[in-house]
Protein backbone atom coordinates (compact mmCIF):
# COMPACT_ATOMS: atom_id res chain seq x y z
CA MET A 1 149.73 92.35 172.02
CA LYS A 2 151.83 90.75 174.73
CA ILE A 3 149.24 87.40 173.95
CA ARG A 4 150.26 87.91 170.09
CA PHE A 5 153.92 87.62 171.25
CA LEU A 6 153.36 85.20 173.63
CA ALA A 7 151.33 82.61 170.82
CA LEU A 8 153.84 83.83 168.08
CA SER A 9 157.00 82.85 170.42
CA VAL A 10 155.53 79.60 171.10
CA LEU A 11 154.54 78.76 167.34
CA VAL A 12 158.39 79.53 166.68
CA LEU A 13 159.53 76.89 169.11
CA LEU A 14 157.34 74.38 168.08
CA LEU A 15 158.53 75.13 164.31
CA ILE A 16 161.85 75.16 165.81
CA PHE A 17 161.38 71.77 167.22
CA LEU A 18 159.60 70.38 164.47
CA THR A 19 162.70 71.44 161.94
CA ASN A 20 165.64 71.24 164.53
CA PRO A 21 167.18 67.70 164.70
CA THR A 22 168.36 68.84 168.26
CA ALA A 23 165.64 70.03 169.66
CA PHE A 24 163.60 67.01 170.47
CA ALA A 25 166.85 65.44 172.56
CA VAL A 26 165.46 67.85 175.54
CA TYR A 27 161.55 67.60 174.55
CA THR A 28 160.95 64.61 176.69
CA ARG A 29 157.81 65.90 178.97
CA ASP A 30 155.00 63.46 177.87
CA ILE A 31 157.81 60.50 178.41
CA ASP A 32 158.78 61.87 181.64
CA ARG A 33 155.11 61.53 183.40
CA VAL A 34 154.84 58.39 181.78
CA ARG A 35 157.66 57.48 183.92
CA ASP A 36 156.76 58.28 186.97
CA LYS A 37 153.36 56.68 186.82
CA GLY A 38 152.56 53.61 189.18
CA VAL A 39 150.34 51.83 186.47
CA LEU A 40 150.24 52.27 182.96
CA ASP A 41 147.47 52.28 180.29
CA SER A 42 147.24 52.38 176.31
CA GLU A 43 147.97 55.95 176.57
CA ASP A 44 151.16 55.89 178.12
CA PHE A 45 152.34 52.98 175.67
CA GLU A 46 151.07 55.28 173.06
CA VAL A 47 153.57 58.02 174.18
CA ILE A 48 156.27 55.26 174.54
CA ASP A 49 155.82 54.36 171.05
CA GLU A 50 155.65 57.75 169.94
CA PHE A 51 158.81 58.87 172.12
CA VAL A 52 160.79 55.68 170.49
CA ARG A 53 159.44 56.41 166.77
CA ARG A 54 160.60 59.94 166.93
CA ALA A 55 163.92 59.01 168.73
CA ILE A 56 164.50 56.34 165.71
CA ARG A 57 164.03 58.61 163.14
CA GLU A 58 165.83 61.53 164.50
CA LEU A 59 168.76 59.07 164.63
CA VAL A 60 168.22 58.07 161.42
CA LYS A 61 168.22 61.13 159.82
CA THR A 62 170.52 63.45 161.70
CA LYS A 63 173.81 63.58 160.05
CA ASP A 64 175.97 65.45 163.00
CA PHE A 65 177.86 63.13 165.32
CA THR A 66 176.95 65.51 168.55
CA SER A 67 173.44 65.33 168.04
CA ILE A 68 173.60 61.84 167.44
CA ALA A 69 175.19 60.87 170.51
CA ARG A 70 172.61 63.23 172.33
CA VAL A 71 169.78 61.64 171.01
CA ARG A 72 171.26 58.23 172.23
CA SER A 73 171.92 59.57 175.88
CA VAL A 74 167.89 60.95 175.76
CA ILE A 75 167.29 57.20 174.52
CA LEU A 76 169.07 55.46 177.22
CA ALA A 77 167.89 57.96 180.16
CA ASN A 78 164.38 56.90 179.41
CA ASP A 79 164.84 53.08 178.85
CA HIS A 80 163.31 52.94 182.68
CA SER A 81 160.25 53.52 184.73
CA ASN A 82 161.39 55.33 188.06
CA GLN A 83 158.28 53.88 189.70
CA ASP A 84 159.13 49.96 190.48
CA SER A 85 155.53 48.93 190.37
CA ALA A 86 155.58 49.66 186.65
CA ALA A 87 158.97 48.61 185.88
CA VAL A 88 158.09 45.72 183.90
CA GLN A 89 155.13 47.26 181.98
CA TYR A 90 157.26 50.25 180.83
CA SER A 91 160.90 48.18 179.89
CA GLU A 92 158.77 45.39 178.12
CA ARG A 93 156.56 48.16 176.48
CA PHE A 94 160.15 50.21 175.73
CA SER A 95 161.74 47.09 174.70
CA THR A 96 159.58 46.05 171.98
CA ALA A 97 158.34 49.76 170.72
CA LEU A 98 162.64 49.71 170.21
CA LYS A 99 162.85 46.49 168.73
CA ASN A 100 160.28 47.29 165.88
CA ARG A 101 161.93 50.93 165.19
CA ILE A 102 165.05 49.78 164.59
CA SER A 103 164.64 46.59 162.80
CA SER A 104 162.58 49.27 160.40
CA ALA A 105 165.30 51.50 160.74
CA LEU A 106 167.99 48.80 159.84
CA GLU A 107 165.97 48.29 156.45
CA GLN A 108 165.56 51.38 155.62
CA ALA A 109 169.15 52.30 155.93
CA GLN A 110 169.74 49.24 153.16
CA ASP A 111 168.13 51.39 150.60
CA PHE A 112 170.52 54.39 150.81
CA GLN A 113 172.64 55.00 147.83
CA GLU A 114 175.56 56.05 149.82
CA LYS A 115 177.59 53.17 151.77
CA ASP A 116 179.17 55.69 153.93
CA ARG A 117 175.05 57.10 155.19
CA LYS A 118 174.48 53.31 155.22
CA ALA A 119 177.28 52.58 157.07
CA LYS A 120 176.65 54.79 159.53
CA VAL A 121 173.34 54.54 160.19
CA VAL A 122 173.62 50.90 160.87
CA VAL A 123 177.07 51.83 163.34
CA ASN A 124 174.94 54.21 164.93
CA LEU A 125 171.72 51.84 165.89
CA LEU A 126 174.32 48.99 166.90
CA ILE A 127 175.89 51.26 169.38
CA LEU A 128 172.36 52.12 170.81
CA ILE A 129 172.01 48.10 171.11
CA ASP A 130 175.18 47.89 172.86
CA GLN A 131 174.57 50.70 175.42
CA LEU A 132 171.42 49.12 176.22
CA ALA A 133 172.60 45.86 176.51
CA ASP A 134 168.95 44.64 176.00
CA LEU A 135 168.84 40.69 175.31
CA ARG A 136 165.61 41.28 173.72
CA LEU A 137 167.67 43.63 171.17
CA LEU A 138 170.50 41.19 170.67
CA ASP A 139 168.94 39.00 167.49
CA LEU A 140 169.14 42.59 165.54
CA ALA A 141 173.12 42.53 166.16
CA ILE A 142 173.74 39.17 165.81
CA LYS A 143 172.21 39.87 161.75
CA GLU A 144 174.92 42.00 161.39
CA CYS A 145 178.29 40.07 163.07
CA GLY A 146 178.86 38.79 159.49
CA ASN A 147 178.43 41.75 157.58
CA GLU A 148 181.55 42.61 155.75
CA ASN A 149 181.61 46.47 156.60
CA THR A 150 184.57 46.51 159.42
CA ALA A 151 183.11 48.97 161.63
CA ILE A 152 179.40 47.28 161.50
CA ARG A 153 181.23 44.24 162.05
CA TYR A 154 182.74 45.48 165.28
CA TRP A 155 179.94 47.23 166.69
CA ALA A 156 177.89 44.36 166.45
CA VAL A 157 180.17 41.88 167.83
CA HIS A 158 180.65 44.56 170.51
CA ALA A 159 176.89 44.33 171.41
CA VAL A 160 176.46 40.86 171.61
CA THR A 161 179.65 40.34 173.52
CA ASN A 162 179.86 43.38 176.16
CA ARG A 163 179.93 42.39 179.73
CA ARG A 164 177.01 43.78 180.70
CA VAL A 165 175.36 41.28 178.42
CA THR A 166 176.97 38.53 179.31
CA GLU A 167 176.46 38.78 182.59
CA LYS A 168 172.77 38.69 182.04
CA LEU A 169 173.34 35.19 179.44
CA ASN A 170 175.07 33.47 182.42
CA SER A 171 171.55 32.05 183.80
CA THR A 172 170.12 29.06 183.78
CA ASP A 173 166.98 30.66 182.36
CA VAL A 174 166.59 28.25 178.44
CA SER A 175 165.86 31.35 176.71
CA LYS A 176 168.71 32.97 177.71
CA LEU A 177 170.76 29.71 177.43
CA LYS A 178 169.55 29.66 173.78
CA LEU A 179 170.30 33.17 172.83
CA ALA A 180 174.23 32.37 174.22
CA LYS A 181 174.12 29.54 171.90
CA ASP A 182 172.67 31.75 168.99
CA ILE A 183 175.65 34.30 169.67
CA ILE A 184 178.38 31.77 169.74
CA GLN A 185 177.13 30.01 166.73
CA ALA A 186 177.17 33.10 164.59
CA LEU A 187 180.95 34.43 166.22
CA LYS A 188 182.05 31.20 164.91
CA LYS A 189 181.36 31.69 161.67
CA ILE A 190 183.52 34.99 161.47
CA VAL A 191 186.90 33.91 163.14
CA ASP A 192 188.65 33.12 160.61
CA SER A 193 187.64 36.84 158.64
CA SER A 194 188.17 39.00 161.25
CA ASP A 195 190.97 41.44 162.57
CA SER A 196 192.48 41.12 166.15
CA GLU A 197 190.08 43.76 167.67
CA ILE A 198 187.49 41.56 166.66
CA ILE A 199 189.01 38.64 167.91
CA SER A 200 189.64 40.34 171.05
CA LEU A 201 186.04 41.04 171.90
CA ILE A 202 185.61 37.51 171.09
CA VAL A 203 187.85 36.43 173.48
CA ASP A 204 187.17 38.44 176.29
CA PHE A 205 183.32 36.90 175.58
CA THR A 206 184.71 33.12 175.71
CA ALA A 207 186.50 33.90 179.23
CA ASP A 208 183.14 35.32 180.45
CA ILE A 209 180.57 33.25 179.33
CA ASN A 210 179.74 30.31 181.19
CA ILE A 211 178.56 27.55 178.73
CA LYS A 212 180.63 24.61 176.95
CA GLN A 213 179.85 26.35 173.39
CA GLY A 214 182.06 29.29 174.94
CA GLU A 215 185.27 26.61 175.09
CA GLN A 216 184.51 25.77 171.90
CA LEU A 217 184.80 28.83 170.17
CA LEU A 218 188.00 29.77 172.36
CA VAL A 219 189.60 26.68 171.43
CA GLN A 220 188.87 27.41 167.43
CA ILE A 221 190.77 31.04 168.22
CA ALA A 222 193.39 29.69 169.78
CA ASP A 223 193.61 26.90 166.80
CA LEU A 224 193.66 29.70 164.03
CA ARG A 225 196.28 31.99 165.76
CA ILE A 226 198.64 28.44 165.76
CA LYS A 227 198.20 28.25 162.21
CA GLN A 228 198.59 32.03 161.59
CA TYR A 229 202.16 31.42 163.70
CA GLU A 230 202.77 28.47 161.29
CA LYS A 231 202.20 31.02 158.53
CA ASN A 232 204.01 33.54 159.56
CA LYS A 233 200.62 35.57 159.44
CA GLU A 234 200.17 36.34 163.30
CA ASP A 235 199.39 40.01 163.77
CA ASP A 236 198.92 42.15 166.97
CA LEU A 237 200.84 39.84 169.16
CA LEU A 238 199.53 41.38 172.68
CA LEU A 239 196.32 39.16 171.51
CA ASP A 240 198.35 36.07 172.60
CA ALA A 241 198.62 37.24 175.80
CA GLU A 242 194.66 37.55 175.74
CA ILE A 243 194.30 34.49 174.43
CA LEU A 244 196.41 32.42 176.34
CA LYS A 245 194.57 33.76 179.76
CA SER A 246 191.49 32.91 178.51
CA LEU A 247 192.57 29.36 178.38
CA TYR A 248 194.38 29.55 181.90
CA SER A 249 190.68 31.03 182.84
CA LYS A 250 189.20 28.24 181.46
CA MET A 251 190.96 25.38 182.71
CA SER A 252 190.26 26.37 186.39
CA LEU A 253 186.60 24.92 185.67
CA LEU A 254 184.92 21.55 186.90
CA SER A 255 183.70 21.47 183.81
CA ALA A 256 186.39 22.03 181.36
CA ASP A 257 188.28 19.78 179.16
CA LYS A 258 191.15 20.28 180.63
CA PRO A 259 193.82 18.46 178.38
CA SER A 260 192.32 20.08 175.00
CA LEU A 261 192.52 23.52 176.26
CA ALA A 262 195.96 22.83 178.05
CA ARG A 263 197.29 21.34 174.66
CA ARG A 264 196.62 24.70 173.15
CA PHE A 265 198.10 26.84 175.85
CA GLY A 266 201.26 24.80 175.79
CA GLN A 267 201.68 25.23 171.48
CA LEU A 268 200.82 28.69 171.41
CA TYR A 269 202.59 29.82 174.28
CA SER A 270 205.36 27.53 172.37
CA TYR A 271 205.39 29.25 168.86
CA ALA A 272 205.68 32.76 170.99
CA ILE A 273 208.90 31.40 172.87
CA GLN A 274 210.29 29.97 169.50
CA LEU A 275 209.72 33.05 167.63
CA TYR A 276 211.44 35.21 170.35
CA ILE A 277 214.41 32.66 170.05
CA SER A 278 214.24 33.01 166.35
CA ASP A 279 214.41 36.83 166.29
CA ILE A 280 217.23 36.46 168.70
CA LYS A 281 219.36 34.91 166.29
CA SER A 282 218.31 36.49 163.09
CA ASP A 283 216.80 39.90 164.32
CA GLN A 284 213.47 39.22 162.14
CA LEU A 285 210.90 41.64 163.88
CA ASN A 286 210.27 44.94 164.14
CA SER A 287 210.95 46.76 167.26
CA ILE A 288 207.25 47.03 168.27
CA LYS A 289 206.59 43.22 167.55
CA LYS A 290 209.54 42.54 169.60
CA GLN A 291 208.14 44.50 172.15
CA GLN A 292 204.89 42.80 172.13
CA LEU A 293 205.92 39.57 172.05
CA ALA A 294 208.47 39.79 175.30
CA SER A 295 205.48 41.70 176.97
CA VAL A 296 203.16 38.62 176.09
CA LEU A 297 205.88 35.91 177.25
CA VAL A 298 206.43 37.50 180.78
CA GLU A 299 203.04 38.18 181.44
CA ILE A 300 201.77 34.90 180.99
CA GLU A 301 204.88 33.24 182.69
CA ASN A 302 204.07 35.38 185.68
CA LYS A 303 200.31 35.42 185.87
CA CYS A 304 199.03 31.72 184.46
CA ILE A 305 202.46 29.47 184.16
CA SER A 306 203.58 30.20 187.89
CA LYS A 307 199.96 29.59 189.24
CA LEU A 308 199.91 26.64 187.13
CA LEU A 309 202.91 25.10 188.15
CA GLY A 310 202.30 26.42 192.10
CA ILE A 311 205.78 28.21 191.98
CA LYS A 312 207.11 31.50 191.13
CA GLN A 313 208.18 31.50 187.82
CA THR A 314 210.88 34.08 186.00
CA THR A 315 213.39 31.99 184.47
CA ILE A 316 212.06 33.31 180.71
CA LYS A 317 211.91 36.81 182.32
CA ARG A 318 215.54 36.69 183.09
CA ALA A 319 216.07 35.26 179.75
CA ILE A 320 214.73 37.90 177.81
CA GLU A 321 216.00 40.47 179.77
CA ARG A 322 219.76 38.99 178.92
CA GLU A 323 218.30 38.41 175.18
CA ASP A 324 220.17 34.77 175.86
CA SER A 325 218.33 32.50 173.23
CA SER A 326 220.07 29.70 174.80
CA ALA A 327 218.59 30.03 178.21
CA LEU A 328 215.47 30.78 176.53
CA LEU A 329 215.51 27.62 174.92
CA PHE A 330 216.34 25.41 178.23
CA ALA A 331 213.54 27.15 179.73
CA HIS A 332 210.96 26.31 176.94
CA ASN A 333 212.32 22.79 176.92
CA LYS A 334 211.71 22.39 180.98
CA LEU A 335 208.88 24.03 181.13
CA LEU A 336 206.94 22.26 177.69
CA GLY A 337 208.92 19.73 176.70
CA ASP A 338 211.43 18.50 174.01
CA ASP A 339 212.64 14.83 172.39
CA SER A 340 214.34 13.95 175.84
CA GLY A 341 210.65 14.20 177.43
CA ALA A 342 207.71 15.77 178.70
CA GLY A 343 207.98 19.20 180.08
CA ASN A 344 207.00 20.54 183.67
CA LEU A 345 203.71 22.15 182.62
CA VAL A 346 202.68 18.95 180.36
CA LEU A 347 203.03 16.13 183.78
CA LYS A 348 201.28 18.72 185.74
CA LEU A 349 198.39 19.59 183.32
CA GLN A 350 198.48 15.74 181.68
CA TYR A 351 198.22 17.01 178.65
CA ASP A 352 199.77 16.00 175.22
CA TYR A 353 200.02 17.86 171.86
CA GLY A 354 198.73 15.54 169.61
CA LYS A 355 199.88 12.51 167.77
CA ASN A 356 202.37 11.67 165.40
CA GLU A 357 201.56 9.64 162.24
CA ASN A 358 201.87 6.47 163.72
CA GLY A 359 199.52 7.38 166.44
CA ILE A 360 202.03 7.88 169.43
CA LYS A 361 201.38 10.68 171.74
CA LEU A 362 203.57 13.45 171.26
CA LEU A 363 204.89 15.19 174.47
CA ARG A 364 206.60 18.28 172.94
CA PRO A 365 205.22 20.76 171.21
CA LEU A 366 205.37 21.26 167.65
CA GLU A 367 208.61 23.22 165.97
CA LEU A 368 207.55 26.71 164.56
CA PRO A 369 208.04 26.60 160.77
CA GLU A 370 211.21 28.17 159.25
CA ARG A 371 209.89 32.11 158.63
CA LYS A 372 210.58 34.05 155.96
CA LEU A 373 212.23 37.52 157.06
CA ASN A 374 210.38 40.56 157.69
């Protein structure tokens, strides 16, 4: 009787495992055994393949977010061997299996009739790629960077720009250099059509990646931001602090095109100051935007301007605290230049603001076009 009861219990547990999507998350006996082996054979590879197959299948089929997160956690916990001697074998097989299964799952998602369901599956797979930070999986995320769905695009960009990925890409390895260039090329295509949250991810990436193409991408973003000021279409003003700090960071590199970076830094910072001056006079910004703008101006003066000039600068901060447009304009002109001559920053960094119609270098920033009241 006891034997029959035990057999029945095992059968019930097996049925639960096969039908309950959350049960798989704790069923890791076989993969645990493989992770503890010092040398892997073909049977071990099959165990890895089967583990990944079931995990990705569950990730695609499960709709409950708690269960999905649990599955991802199990995958992440089993993505490496416990033995140094088998680390490379295990990692390569696990990664190959993941790439094959995730690729198939992404294709499968395209056949879903429900757009929300399709988006959730793709997002969950991209979050997994992001958490794994495995360079061998990044081409799957690169393909989704241009997706029109904002959530999919965000997680695709997040996956290819997260700091763990960037640290691995900063290498002299030819394949990693090519991958970094491929990522940047994909990001360049979406800059003009992405929101500030995605741009913020890209800006952080450009600051950390150590290749020339990263600098070029940052310049593209700065130019876009400058045009947005000119068209009165800038949003999330705190983004300017990130861009300006990244430009400042890049200028410190020996290989950097300092005049090009400094020009964008000076013009963007000038537009931000000009906008604040305009608001003091006409009260055209809402309280949140004004607070954001003030924060940007003060932070950049403290963390960038003071270091670039080699002396502590607080004139912009004091003018903002007093809401003194004349003092702020004076500080702007002294720092960035006006019709009377080049500013201290221009002289220090040896840059200009482009050329006029006669081909003469401009030593003062462009004036912010007149703006419509919000």
